[in-house]
PDB file of N, CA and C in Angstrom:
ATOM      1  N   MET A   1     -16.697  -8.805 -27.588  1.00  0.00           N
ATOM      2  CA  MET A   1     -16.478 -10.215 -27.627  1.00  0.00           C
ATOM      3  C   MET A   1     -15.411 -10.492 -26.008  1.00  0.00           C
ATOM      4  N   SER A   2     -16.068 -11.266 -25.268  1.00  0.00           N
ATOM      5  CA  SER A   2     -15.188 -11.117 -24.161  1.00  0.00           C
ATOM      6  C   SER A   2     -14.004 -12.290 -24.376  1.00  0.00           C
ATOM      7  N   SER A   3     -13.142 -11.917 -23.444  1.00  0.00           N
ATOM      8  CA  SER A   3     -11.912 -12.781 -23.219  1.00  0.00           C
ATOM      9  C   SER A   3     -12.159 -14.024 -22.962  1.00  0.00           C
ATOM     10  N   PRO A   4     -11.398 -14.960 -23.222  1.00  0.00           N
ATOM     11  CA  PRO A   4     -11.503 -16.597 -23.159  1.00  0.00           C
ATOM     12  C   PRO A   4     -11.326 -16.776 -21.556  1.00  0.00           C
ATOM     13  N   PRO A   5     -11.897 -17.745 -20.979  1.00  0.00           N
ATOM     14  CA  PRO A   5     -11.691 -17.649 -19.510  1.00  0.00           C
ATOM     15  C   PRO A   5     -10.216 -17.778 -18.979  1.00  0.00           C
ATOM     16  N   ILE A   6      -9.776 -18.422 -19.736  1.00  0.00           N
ATOM     17  CA  ILE A   6      -8.362 -18.995 -19.179  1.00  0.00           C
ATOM     18  C   ILE A   6      -7.291 -17.428 -19.443  1.00  0.00           C
ATOM     19  N   ALA A   7      -7.743 -16.724 -20.230  1.00  0.00           N
ATOM     20  CA  ALA A   7      -7.052 -15.515 -20.316  1.00  0.00           C
ATOM     21  C   ALA A   7      -7.403 -14.441 -19.139  1.00  0.00           C
ATOM     22  N   THR A   8      -8.873 -14.543 -18.960  1.00  0.00           N
ATOM     23  CA  THR A   8      -9.183 -13.742 -18.023  1.00  0.00           C
ATOM     24  C   THR A   8      -8.647 -14.147 -16.500  1.00  0.00           C
ATOM     25  N   ALA A   9      -8.488 -15.384 -16.453  1.00  0.00           N
ATOM     26  CA  ALA A   9      -8.154 -16.097 -15.225  1.00  0.00           C
ATOM     27  C   ALA A   9      -6.506 -15.797 -15.171  1.00  0.00           C
ATOM     28  N   THR A  10      -5.770 -15.650 -16.274  1.00  0.00           N
ATOM     29  CA  THR A  10      -4.534 -15.497 -16.014  1.00  0.00           C
ATOM     30  C   THR A  10      -4.100 -13.869 -15.825  1.00  0.00           C
ATOM     31  N   ALA A  11      -4.887 -13.045 -16.185  1.00  0.00           N
ATOM     32  CA  ALA A  11      -4.704 -11.956 -16.130  1.00  0.00           C
ATOM     33  C   ALA A  11      -5.297 -11.203 -14.597  1.00  0.00           C
ATOM     34  N   SER A  12      -6.047 -12.028 -14.244  1.00  0.00           N
ATOM     35  CA  SER A  12      -6.481 -11.649 -12.824  1.00  0.00           C
ATOM     36  C   SER A  12      -5.628 -12.237 -11.746  1.00  0.00           C
ATOM     37  N   ALA A  13      -4.821 -13.318 -12.114  1.00  0.00           N
ATOM     38  CA  ALA A  13      -3.601 -13.972 -11.416  1.00  0.00           C
ATOM     39  C   ALA A  13      -2.420 -12.926 -11.478  1.00  0.00           C
ATOM     40  N   ALA A  14      -2.145 -12.525 -12.760  1.00  0.00           N
ATOM     41  CA  ALA A  14      -1.063 -11.527 -12.701  1.00  0.00           C
ATOM     42  C   ALA A  14      -1.479 -10.466 -11.739  1.00  0.00           C
ATOM     43  N   THR A  15      -2.930  -9.869 -11.808  1.00  0.00           N
ATOM     44  CA  THR A  15      -3.105  -8.419 -11.236  1.00  0.00           C
ATOM     45  C   THR A  15      -3.013  -8.800  -9.865  1.00  0.00           C
ATOM     46  N   ALA A  16      -3.626 -10.040  -9.300  1.00  0.00           N
ATOM     47  CA  ALA A  16      -3.432 -10.379  -7.708  1.00  0.00           C
ATOM     48  C   ALA A  16      -1.813 -10.584  -7.330  1.00  0.00           C
ATOM     49  N   ALA A  17      -0.837 -10.760  -8.211  1.00  0.00           N
ATOM     50  CA  ALA A  17       0.372 -11.114  -7.973  1.00  0.00           C
ATOM     51  C   ALA A  17       1.252  -9.961  -7.720  1.00  0.00           C
ATOM     52  N   ASP A  18       0.651  -8.920  -8.651  1.00  0.00           N
ATOM     53  CA  ASP A  18       1.170  -7.609  -8.997  1.00  0.00           C
ATOM     54  C   ASP A  18       0.642  -6.854  -7.492  1.00  0.00           C
ATOM     55  N   ALA A  19      -0.636  -6.850  -7.043  1.00  0.00           N
ATOM     56  CA  ALA A  19      -1.155  -6.304  -6.140  1.00  0.00           C
ATOM     57  C   ALA A  19      -0.278  -6.996  -4.695  1.00  0.00           C
ATOM     58  N   ALA A  20      -0.024  -8.287  -4.542  1.00  0.00           N
ATOM     59  CA  ALA A  20       0.972  -8.734  -3.531  1.00  0.00           C
ATOM     60  C   ALA A  20       2.028  -8.339  -3.252  1.00  0.00           C
ATOM     61  N   ALA A  21       2.852  -8.094  -4.615  1.00  0.00           N
ATOM     62  CA  ALA A  21       4.221  -7.540  -4.859  1.00  0.00           C
ATOM     63  C   ALA A  21       4.241  -6.198  -4.009  1.00  0.00           C
ATOM     64  N   LEU A  22       3.293  -5.342  -4.179  1.00  0.00           N
ATOM     65  CA  LEU A  22       3.242  -4.051  -3.949  1.00  0.00           C
ATOM     66  C   LEU A  22       2.867  -3.951  -2.537  1.00  0.00           C
ATOM     67  N   GLU A  23       2.088  -4.630  -1.982  1.00  0.00           N
ATOM     68  CA  GLU A  23       1.890  -4.817  -0.564  1.00  0.00           C
ATOM     69  C   GLU A  23       2.896  -5.240   0.166  1.00  0.00           C
ATOM     70  N   ALA A  24       3.681  -6.061  -0.324  1.00  0.00           N
ATOM     71  CA  ALA A  24       5.133  -6.515   0.158  1.00  0.00           C
ATOM     72  C   ALA A  24       6.107  -5.477   0.368  1.00  0.00           C
ATOM     73  N   GLU A  25       6.195  -4.641  -0.948  1.00  0.00           N
ATOM     74  CA  GLU A  25       7.116  -3.444  -1.128  1.00  0.00           C
ATOM     75  C   GLU A  25       6.798  -2.771  -0.020  1.00  0.00           C
ATOM     76  N   LEU A  26       5.407  -2.146   0.124  1.00  0.00           N
ATOM     77  CA  LEU A  26       5.241  -1.213   1.154  1.00  0.00           C
ATOM     78  C   LEU A  26       5.240  -1.555   2.517  1.00  0.00           C
ATOM     79  N   ALA A  27       5.398  -2.857   2.902  1.00  0.00           N
ATOM     80  CA  ALA A  27       5.417  -3.523   4.197  1.00  0.00           C
ATOM     81  C   ALA A  27       7.057  -3.091   4.450  1.00  0.00           C
ATOM     82  N   GLN A  28       7.900  -3.377   3.355  1.00  0.00           N
ATOM     83  CA  GLN A  28       9.185  -3.273   3.632  1.00  0.00           C
ATOM     84  C   GLN A  28       9.491  -1.674   3.719  1.00  0.00           C
ATOM     85  N   LEU A  29       8.738  -0.705   2.977  1.00  0.00           N
ATOM     86  CA  LEU A  29       8.851   0.593   2.952  1.00  0.00           C
ATOM     87  C   LEU A  29       8.708   0.976   4.458  1.00  0.00           C
ATOM     88  N   PHE A  30       7.405   0.623   5.152  1.00  0.00           N
ATOM     89  CA  PHE A  30       7.138   0.815   6.500  1.00  0.00           C
ATOM     90  C   PHE A  30       8.153   0.573   7.659  1.00  0.00           C
ATOM     91  N   VAL A  31       8.681  -0.529   7.201  1.00  0.00           N
ATOM     92  CA  VAL A  31       9.798  -1.309   8.267  1.00  0.00           C
ATOM     93  C   VAL A  31      11.011  -0.183   8.075  1.00  0.00           C
ATOM     94  N   ASP A  32      11.305   0.049   7.044  1.00  0.00           N
ATOM     95  CA  ASP A  32      12.778   0.776   6.775  1.00  0.00           C
ATOM     96  C   ASP A  32      12.310   2.315   7.365  1.00  0.00           C
ATOM     97  N   ALA A  33      11.278   2.800   6.549  1.00  0.00           N
ATOM     98  CA  ALA A  33      11.108   4.322   6.876  1.00  0.00           C
ATOM     99  C   ALA A  33      10.717   4.629   8.459  1.00  0.00           C
ATOM    100  N   LEU A  34      10.266   3.614   9.347  1.00  0.00           N
ATOM    101  CA  LEU A  34       9.521   3.891  10.535  1.00  0.00           C
ATOM    102  C   LEU A  34      10.498   3.030  11.508  1.00  0.00           C
ATOM    103  N   ASN A  35      11.408   2.454  11.096  1.00  0.00           N
ATOM    104  CA  ASN A  35      12.363   1.515  11.854  1.00  0.00           C
ATOM    105  C   ASN A  35      11.668   0.723  12.962  1.00  0.00           C
ATOM    106  N   LEU A  36      10.603  -0.028  12.399  1.00  0.00           N
ATOM    107  CA  LEU A  36       9.869  -0.872  12.844  1.00  0.00           C
ATOM    108  C   LEU A  36      10.488  -2.330  13.218  1.00  0.00           C
ATOM    109  N   GLU A  37      10.037  -2.900  14.476  1.00  0.00           N
ATOM    110  CA  GLU A  37      10.804  -3.967  14.716  1.00  0.00           C
ATOM    111  C   GLU A  37      10.210  -5.137  14.242  1.00  0.00           C
ATOM    112  N   THR A  38       8.799  -5.048  13.824  1.00  0.00           N
ATOM    113  CA  THR A  38       8.071  -6.481  13.175  1.00  0.00           C
ATOM    114  C   THR A  38       8.749  -6.453  11.724  1.00  0.00           C
ATOM    115  N   PRO A  39       9.038  -7.701  11.377  1.00  0.00           N
ATOM    116  CA  PRO A  39       9.613  -7.743   9.922  1.00  0.00           C
ATOM    117  C   PRO A  39       8.528  -7.798   8.993  1.00  0.00           C
ATOM    118  N   ALA A  40       8.750  -7.297   7.804  1.00  0.00           N
ATOM    119  CA  ALA A  40       7.860  -6.764   6.905  1.00  0.00           C
ATOM    120  C   ALA A  40       6.997  -8.021   6.385  1.00  0.00           C
ATOM    121  N   ALA A  41       7.682  -9.115   6.331  1.00  0.00           N
ATOM    122  CA  ALA A  41       6.878 -10.254   6.185  1.00  0.00           C
ATOM    123  C   ALA A  41       5.470 -10.745   7.157  1.00  0.00           C
ATOM    124  N   GLU A  42       5.756 -10.114   7.926  1.00  0.00           N
ATOM    125  CA  GLU A  42       4.838 -10.579   9.308  1.00  0.00           C
ATOM    126  C   GLU A  42       3.832  -9.470   9.187  1.00  0.00           C
ATOM    127  N   ILE A  43       3.641  -8.424   8.485  1.00  0.00           N
ATOM    128  CA  ILE A  43       2.728  -7.201   8.255  1.00  0.00           C
ATOM    129  C   ILE A  43       1.538  -7.890   7.614  1.00  0.00           C
ATOM    130  N   ASP A  44       0.403  -8.054   8.062  1.00  0.00           N
ATOM    131  CA  ASP A  44      -0.877  -8.732   7.454  1.00  0.00           C
ATOM    132  C   ASP A  44      -1.309  -7.334   6.650  1.00  0.00           C
ATOM    133  N   PRO A  45      -1.460  -7.340   5.460  1.00  0.00           N
ATOM    134  CA  PRO A  45      -1.716  -6.370   4.527  1.00  0.00           C
ATOM    135  C   PRO A  45      -3.413  -5.722   4.990  1.00  0.00           C
ATOM    136  N   LEU A  46      -4.015  -6.284   5.905  1.00  0.00           N
ATOM    137  CA  LEU A  46      -5.473  -6.044   6.270  1.00  0.00           C
ATOM    138  C   LEU A  46      -5.521  -5.553   7.710  1.00  0.00           C
ATOM    139  N   THR A  47      -4.239  -5.566   8.450  1.00  0.00           N
ATOM    140  CA  THR A  47      -3.975  -5.080   9.515  1.00  0.00           C
ATOM    141  C   THR A  47      -4.298  -3.491   9.473  1.00  0.00           C
ATOM    142  N   PRO A  48      -4.954  -2.974  10.576  1.00  0.00           N
ATOM    143  CA  PRO A  48      -5.084  -1.424  10.427  1.00  0.00           C
ATOM    144  C   PRO A  48      -3.771  -0.836  10.785  1.00  0.00           C
ATOM    145  N   LEU A  49      -3.724   0.416   9.942  1.00  0.00           N
ATOM    146  CA  LEU A  49      -2.347   1.168  10.352  1.00  0.00           C
ATOM    147  C   LEU A  49      -2.333   1.911  11.518  1.00  0.00           C
ATOM    148  N   PHE A  50      -3.272   2.233  11.892  1.00  0.00           N
ATOM    149  CA  PHE A  50      -3.423   3.112  13.055  1.00  0.00           C
ATOM    150  C   PHE A  50      -4.063   1.995  14.147  1.00  0.00           C
ATOM    151  N   GLY A  51      -4.187   2.826  15.659  1.00  0.00           N
ATOM    152  CA  GLY A  51      -4.781   1.981  16.835  1.00  0.00           C
ATOM    153  C   GLY A  51      -4.187   0.994  17.180  1.00  0.00           C
ATOM    154  N   ASP A  52      -5.075  -0.117  17.182  1.00  0.00           N
ATOM    155  CA  ASP A  52      -4.594  -1.355  17.921  1.00  0.00           C
ATOM    156  C   ASP A  52      -3.949  -2.083  16.490  1.00  0.00           C
ATOM    157  N   GLY A  53      -3.875  -1.740  15.421  1.00  0.00           N
ATOM    158  CA  GLY A  53      -3.089  -2.528  14.316  1.00  0.00           C
ATOM    159  C   GLY A  53      -1.388  -2.240  14.664  1.00  0.00           C
ATOM    160  N   LEU A  54      -1.097  -1.564  13.652  1.00  0.00           N
ATOM    161  CA  LEU A  54       0.370  -1.009  13.549  1.00  0.00           C
ATOM    162  C   LEU A  54       0.735  -0.222  14.617  1.00  0.00           C
ATOM    163  N   GLY A  55      -0.192   0.639  14.876  1.00  0.00           N
ATOM    164  CA  GLY A  55      -0.138   1.338  16.094  1.00  0.00           C
ATOM    165  C   GLY A  55       0.627   2.831  15.651  1.00  0.00           C
ATOM    166  N   LEU A  56       0.387   3.001  14.261  1.00  0.00           N
ATOM    167  CA  LEU A  56       1.122   4.423  13.648  1.00  0.00           C
ATOM    168  C   LEU A  56       0.460   5.602  13.953  1.00  0.00           C
ATOM    169  N   ASP A  57       1.064   6.743  14.040  1.00  0.00           N
ATOM    170  CA  ASP A  57       0.487   8.026  14.468  1.00  0.00           C
ATOM    171  C   ASP A  57       0.674   8.950  13.245  1.00  0.00           C
ATOM    172  N   SER A  58       0.258  10.177  13.217  1.00  0.00           N
ATOM    173  CA  SER A  58       0.036  11.059  12.160  1.00  0.00           C
ATOM    174  C   SER A  58       1.533  11.547  11.679  1.00  0.00           C
ATOM    175  N   ILE A  59       2.413  11.321  12.549  1.00  0.00           N
ATOM    176  CA  ILE A  59       3.851  11.811  12.116  1.00  0.00           C
ATOM    177  C   ILE A  59       4.339  10.666  11.312  1.00  0.00           C
ATOM    178  N   ASP A  60       4.235   9.288  11.770  1.00  0.00           N
ATOM    179  CA  ASP A  60       4.699   7.994  10.902  1.00  0.00           C
ATOM    180  C   ASP A  60       4.053   8.400   9.304  1.00  0.00           C
ATOM    181  N   ILE A  61       2.655   8.469   9.437  1.00  0.00           N
ATOM    182  CA  ILE A  61       2.316   8.526   8.026  1.00  0.00           C
ATOM    183  C   ILE A  61       2.518   9.607   7.165  1.00  0.00           C
ATOM    184  N   LEU A  62       3.037  10.698   7.668  1.00  0.00           N
ATOM    185  CA  LEU A  62       3.838  11.905   7.222  1.00  0.00           C
ATOM    186  C   LEU A  62       5.064  11.134   6.306  1.00  0.00           C
ATOM    187  N   GLU A  63       5.798  10.380   7.255  1.00  0.00           N
ATOM    188  CA  GLU A  63       7.041   9.942   6.959  1.00  0.00           C
ATOM    189  C   GLU A  63       6.669   9.124   5.769  1.00  0.00           C
ATOM    190  N   VAL A  64       5.825   8.269   5.894  1.00  0.00           N
ATOM    191  CA  VAL A  64       5.371   7.415   4.779  1.00  0.00           C
ATOM    192  C   VAL A  64       4.964   7.869   3.461  1.00  0.00           C
ATOM    193  N   ALA A  65       4.058   8.791   3.635  1.00  0.00           N
ATOM    194  CA  ALA A  65       3.736   9.865   2.590  1.00  0.00           C
ATOM    195  C   ALA A  65       4.943  10.351   1.635  1.00  0.00           C
ATOM    196  N   LEU A  66       5.969  10.910   2.367  1.00  0.00           N
ATOM    197  CA  LEU A  66       7.126  11.284   1.882  1.00  0.00           C
ATOM    198  C   LEU A  66       7.833  10.161   1.137  1.00  0.00           C
ATOM    199  N   GLU A  67       7.881   9.004   1.745  1.00  0.00           N
ATOM    200  CA  GLU A  67       8.657   7.962   1.123  1.00  0.00           C
ATOM    201  C   GLU A  67       7.709   7.468  -0.412  1.00  0.00           C
ATOM    202  N   VAL A  68       6.635   7.684  -0.052  1.00  0.00           N
ATOM    203  CA  VAL A  68       5.742   7.226  -1.069  1.00  0.00           C
ATOM    204  C   VAL A  68       5.778   8.189  -2.349  1.00  0.00           C
ATOM    205  N   SER A  69       5.796   9.278  -1.995  1.00  0.00           N
ATOM    206  CA  SER A  69       6.018  10.569  -3.053  1.00  0.00           C
ATOM    207  C   SER A  69       7.322  10.236  -3.937  1.00  0.00           C
ATOM    208  N   GLN A  70       8.493   9.906  -3.100  1.00  0.00           N
ATOM    209  CA  GLN A  70       9.683   9.951  -3.684  1.00  0.00           C
ATOM    210  C   GLN A  70       9.639   8.464  -4.654  1.00  0.00           C
ATOM    211  N   ARG A  71       9.056   7.396  -4.131  1.00  0.00           N
ATOM    212  CA  ARG A  71       9.245   6.262  -4.791  1.00  0.00           C
ATOM    213  C   ARG A  71       8.106   6.248  -5.897  1.00  0.00           C
ATOM    214  N   TYR A  72       6.919   6.751  -5.844  1.00  0.00           N
ATOM    215  CA  TYR A  72       5.790   6.287  -6.738  1.00  0.00           C
ATOM    216  C   TYR A  72       5.718   7.475  -7.627  1.00  0.00           C
ATOM    217  N   GLY A  73       6.178   8.751  -7.510  1.00  0.00           N
ATOM    218  CA  GLY A  73       5.987   9.825  -8.108  1.00  0.00           C
ATOM    219  C   GLY A  73       4.614  10.579  -7.823  1.00  0.00           C
ATOM    220  N   PHE A  74       4.048  10.372  -7.084  1.00  0.00           N
ATOM    221  CA  PHE A  74       2.763  11.428  -6.860  1.00  0.00           C
ATOM    222  C   PHE A  74       2.675  11.655  -5.509  1.00  0.00           C
ATOM    223  N   GLN A  75       1.958  12.830  -5.095  1.00  0.00           N
ATOM    224  CA  GLN A  75       1.798  13.419  -3.788  1.00  0.00           C
ATOM    225  C   GLN A  75       0.646  12.845  -3.210  1.00  0.00           C
ATOM    226  N   LEU A  76       0.785  12.351  -1.813  1.00  0.00           N
ATOM    227  CA  LEU A  76      -0.328  12.124  -1.026  1.00  0.00           C
ATOM    228  C   LEU A  76      -0.613  13.337  -0.032  1.00  0.00           C
ATOM    229  N   ARG A  77      -1.856  13.633  -0.419  1.00  0.00           N
ATOM    230  CA  ARG A  77      -2.088  15.168   0.207  1.00  0.00           C
ATOM    231  C   ARG A  77      -2.771  15.130   1.618  1.00  0.00           C
ATOM    232  N   SER A  78      -2.497  15.833   2.418  1.00  0.00           N
ATOM    233  CA  SER A  78      -2.948  15.675   3.772  1.00  0.00           C
ATOM    234  C   SER A  78      -4.260  16.169   3.873  1.00  0.00           C
ATOM    235  N   ASP A  79      -4.830  16.957   2.832  1.00  0.00           N
ATOM    236  CA  ASP A  79      -6.207  17.198   3.068  1.00  0.00           C
ATOM    237  C   ASP A  79      -7.353  16.719   1.892  1.00  0.00           C
ATOM    238  N   ASP A  80      -6.495  15.418   1.478  1.00  0.00           N
ATOM    239  CA  ASP A  80      -7.420  14.331   0.662  1.00  0.00           C
ATOM    240  C   ASP A  80      -8.569  14.032   1.741  1.00  0.00           C
ATOM    241  N   GLU A  81      -9.665  14.192   1.060  1.00  0.00           N
ATOM    242  CA  GLU A  81     -11.101  13.704   2.121  1.00  0.00           C
ATOM    243  C   GLU A  81     -11.115  12.183   2.012  1.00  0.00           C
ATOM    244  N   ASN A  82     -10.153  11.379   1.086  1.00  0.00           N
ATOM    245  CA  ASN A  82     -10.451  10.058   1.166  1.00  0.00           C
ATOM    246  C   ASN A  82      -9.112   9.330   2.048  1.00  0.00           C
ATOM    247  N   ASN A  83      -8.418  10.247   2.832  1.00  0.00           N
ATOM    248  CA  ASN A  83      -7.058   9.746   3.570  1.00  0.00           C
ATOM    249  C   ASN A  83      -7.586   8.744   4.776  1.00  0.00           C
ATOM    250  N   GLN A  84      -8.750   8.732   5.161  1.00  0.00           N
ATOM    251  CA  GLN A  84      -9.116   7.623   6.078  1.00  0.00           C
ATOM    252  C   GLN A  84      -9.280   6.222   5.591  1.00  0.00           C
ATOM    253  N   ASN A  85      -9.855   6.437   4.271  1.00  0.00           N
ATOM    254  CA  ASN A  85      -9.848   4.984   3.594  1.00  0.00           C
ATOM    255  C   ASN A  85      -8.374   4.782   2.694  1.00  0.00           C
ATOM    256  N   ILE A  86      -7.818   5.511   2.362  1.00  0.00           N
ATOM    257  CA  ILE A  86      -6.554   5.232   1.777  1.00  0.00           C
ATOM    258  C   ILE A  86      -5.533   4.648   2.589  1.00  0.00           C
ATOM    259  N   PHE A  87      -5.572   5.390   3.989  1.00  0.00           N
ATOM    260  CA  PHE A  87      -4.326   4.635   4.864  1.00  0.00           C
ATOM    261  C   PHE A  87      -5.272   3.764   5.825  1.00  0.00           C
ATOM    262  N   ARG A  88      -6.259   2.913   5.670  1.00  0.00           N
ATOM    263  CA  ARG A  88      -6.841   2.139   6.611  1.00  0.00           C
ATOM    264  C   ARG A  88      -5.916   1.076   6.949  1.00  0.00           C
ATOM    265  N   ASN A  89      -5.273   0.307   5.760  1.00  0.00           N
ATOM    266  CA  ASN A  89      -4.280  -0.662   5.823  1.00  0.00           C
ATOM    267  C   ASN A  89      -3.450  -0.778   4.673  1.00  0.00           C
ATOM    268  N   LEU A  90      -2.500  -1.611   4.541  1.00  0.00           N
ATOM    269  CA  LEU A  90      -1.408  -1.625   3.726  1.00  0.00           C
ATOM    270  C   LEU A  90      -2.330  -2.063   2.237  1.00  0.00           C
ATOM    271  N   ARG A  91      -3.374  -2.879   2.289  1.00  0.00           N
ATOM    272  CA  ARG A  91      -4.056  -3.158   1.003  1.00  0.00           C
ATOM    273  C   ARG A  91      -4.817  -2.150   0.265  1.00  0.00           C
ATOM    274  N   SER A  92      -5.351  -0.965   1.278  1.00  0.00           N
ATOM    275  CA  SER A  92      -5.822   0.175   0.666  1.00  0.00           C
ATOM    276  C   SER A  92      -4.929   1.031   0.136  1.00  0.00           C
ATOM    277  N   LEU A  93      -3.750   1.137   0.775  1.00  0.00           N
ATOM    278  CA  LEU A  93      -2.813   2.161   0.442  1.00  0.00           C
ATOM    279  C   LEU A  93      -2.132   1.520  -0.872  1.00  0.00           C
ATOM    280  N   ALA A  94      -2.035   0.316  -0.895  1.00  0.00           N
ATOM    281  CA  ALA A  94      -1.494  -0.497  -2.193  1.00  0.00           C
ATOM    282  C   ALA A  94      -2.208   0.051  -3.498  1.00  0.00           C
ATOM    283  N   ALA A  95      -3.532  -0.306  -3.042  1.00  0.00           N
ATOM    284  CA  ALA A  95      -4.611  -0.028  -4.220  1.00  0.00           C
ATOM    285  C   ALA A  95      -4.517   1.396  -4.770  1.00  0.00           C
ATOM    286  N   HIS A  96      -4.444   2.439  -3.866  1.00  0.00           N
ATOM    287  CA  HIS A  96      -4.605   3.687  -4.278  1.00  0.00           C
ATOM    288  C   HIS A  96      -2.954   4.099  -4.974  1.00  0.00           C
ATOM    289  N   ILE A  97      -2.000   3.474  -4.575  1.00  0.00           N
ATOM    290  CA  ILE A  97      -0.881   3.757  -5.332  1.00  0.00           C
ATOM    291  C   ILE A  97      -0.780   3.097  -6.493  1.00  0.00           C
ATOM    292  N   ALA A  98      -1.180   2.055  -6.749  1.00  0.00           N
ATOM    293  CA  ALA A  98      -1.428   1.212  -7.838  1.00  0.00           C
ATOM    294  C   ALA A  98      -2.473   2.154  -9.058  1.00  0.00           C
ATOM    295  N   ALA A  99      -3.253   2.694  -8.530  1.00  0.00           N
ATOM    296  CA  ALA A  99      -3.943   3.748  -9.158  1.00  0.00           C
ATOM    297  C   ALA A  99      -3.348   4.649  -9.786  1.00  0.00           C
ATOM    298  N   LYS A 100      -2.483   5.502  -8.896  1.00  0.00           N
ATOM    299  CA  LYS A 100      -1.873   6.936  -8.849  1.00  0.00           C
ATOM    300  C   LYS A 100      -0.508   6.947  -9.420  1.00  0.00           C
ATOM    301  N   ARG A 101       0.159   5.776  -9.085  1.00  0.00           N
ATOM    302  CA  ARG A 101       1.921   6.001  -9.419  1.00  0.00           C
ATOM    303  C   ARG A 101       2.163   6.323 -10.859  1.00  0.00           C
ATOM    304  N   THR A 102       3.285   7.104 -10.789  1.00  0.00           N
ATOM    305  CA  THR A 102       3.806   7.430 -12.166  1.00  0.00           C
ATOM    306  C   THR A 102       5.293   6.700 -12.275  1.00  0.00           C
ATOM    307  N   LYS A 103       5.748   6.049 -11.316  1.00  0.00           N
ATOM    308  CA  LYS A 103       7.014   5.515 -11.395  1.00  0.00           C
ATOM    309  C   LYS A 103       6.726   3.953 -11.263  1.00  0.00           C
TER     310      LYS A 103
END
């Protein structure tokens, strides 16, 4: 038996709110850990982290990975074959953290 439409919509809205909150938290983590001049609220979750997006490099991502491991309780590994997708943008990183976090 499926959930009533209102319950499903409420659960979807809660999930979307949780995802948005995690994206905002990560944006602030990036600003704090990397001393970015861009305010966290101005970082679009779909902006690429590398290149013409936020312009991060591999050292920046290492710093972020360390912060993520301390804050969320799991390791982001440099040899993960999915790193390009994980670090595409804040939204993809937030989705990965939501799936793997222990804290």
